Amino acid sequence: MGDISPLLDQNRAWVKRRFEKCDDILNRQVFLEDGKKEGLLVYVEVAVSNLMLEEHVIGLSDVQPLSTYEEAEAALLAGNGILFLAGDDQVYKISSKGYPGLGVSKAESEKVMRGSKEGFTESEKLNVALIRKRLRDPRMKVEEQQIGTRSHTMTALVYMEDLVYPDLLDTIKERMDAYEIDGILDSGMLEQLTEKHWLSPFPQFQATERPDRAASAVLEGRVVLVTDHSPTVLIFPSDYNSFFQTSDDWYNRFEAATFARLLRFFAAILAMSFPAIYVAVTTWHTSLLPTNLILSMAEARQGVPFPSLGEVLLMEISFELIREAGIRLPGPIGNTIGIVGGLIIGQSAVAANVVSPIVVIVVAFTALCSFAIPNEEFSSAFRLLKYGCIFMGAWLGLYGVLLSYLWVLIHLSHLNSFGIPYLMPYVAADLNDYEDKRDALFRYPFRMMKNRPIFARRDERLKLKKKEKS
């Protein structure tokens, strides 16, 4: 498009031609220096308020000169005003509050008992500011980049300059530039394009809605990817262990945090395999159960027309439908559907002899276990693998369940996130002198966790030391 013309009529013609049939992009004639200098102000309606027009344009405060039409167009579509002046071969970007969006609210998907209640918003600038609010260090760098040939979505890489590995940054930038796409509307689209093991159900990026979680990751030497229009930021590298951690693990005492983590790890195993174990035992290994339990289960199954596999699948799919309906419906109605629907369907199915009561208990307990996993995307992987385990249990019994465990373990051992083994620190723990095990299945007392995890540069691992007495 070229350089800015000093002729105001030519600039006006460019605006008219470039933004033809764009009724939301307005322009107005302005006069500065007591009417001696004529100008043309172009702005996106709603993104630029009348108050900004009165205070900022006349005073010409908070402006940035631009020299090309490309820069002017990008600034305008980002929600700023642009001002052309007669006889000037530059256009001036007048910063504004930008497009409307939700303000700072509570993080709904990562609730904690202790710690900050703030959650990210849908504004990239505001989300970066929420991280900067917690890390007031000039070594924290923010690199912005537009992605999407039509959406021009602003993204930002946030990292601590002296902690992050330069090769990690280069790899991230290469993956972000590897594809050309019309538009990026959420961080989830970027996540799918930049994952190396994209066929795996397990996420290699950690998603969070909490600024304090993102700030903690930056202090560990990791990189945070903020995407405009998305209240969820991405953290990488990530490993299996990080998906079981929550913010208040570090705010509470180590005994409580360790107990909660043990529960989450146990819940993940049961979320994947508890229905499969039930199917395997009732189909192939009834002799493993105590006699009273066998008789009780046999009595409960009298009149049920389906085998164990059929009734488990029926109830699992029913609960998944209830879960999906509860998410899609408005808040109060969704909560009602989730609770009442589960009770009614379960009770009605038992009363009609479609399924046995024990299956309702198994499926409900499995659902509780999946909810106990802190990361929703990570929990979804176990929910999907659950069906494979069920079929393996029905086919080969407990041997099939054990084979499922083995397959998942082998698969996880082949995954890595930007060079970090996915099963770290349960494998390759010696790479960081076994320090990462202090914040894994068991959380050590805070004063014993003196080193940063393996994500940080090797010469910058020390994060806690006692002050020397003067």
Foldseek 3Di string as FASTA:
>chain_A
DWWADLAQVVVVVCCCVVCPPVVQKDKDWDAAPVRPKIKIKIAGPPLADPVCVVPCVHVVPPKDKDTHPVVVVVLRVQSWMWMRIHRDRIIITGDTNGHDWDDWDAFDQADDPDDDRTFFIQALVVLVVLLCVVVVDPQWDWDWAFAAPAARWIKIKTARNQWADPVLVVLLVCQRPVDHHHDDQEVVVVQCSRFPPNVALAGQKAKDGDSVVVNVLRVLRWMWMGIHRYSIIIIDRAAPQVQQDGPCLVVDFQVVSLVLLLLLVVLLLLLQALLLQVLLCQQPNVVVDDPVVSVVVVVQLPPAPDRSLVQLVVLLVQLVVLQVQLVPDDPVVSVCSNVVVLVVVLVVCSVVSNDGNVSSVSNVSSVVSLSSRSGVSNSVSSNVNNNVSNVLCNVPRVVSNVVSVVVVVVVQQPDGISPHRNNPPVPPCVVLPVLVVCPGSGPHGPQSSQFRDPSTDNVRGGDDDDDDDD
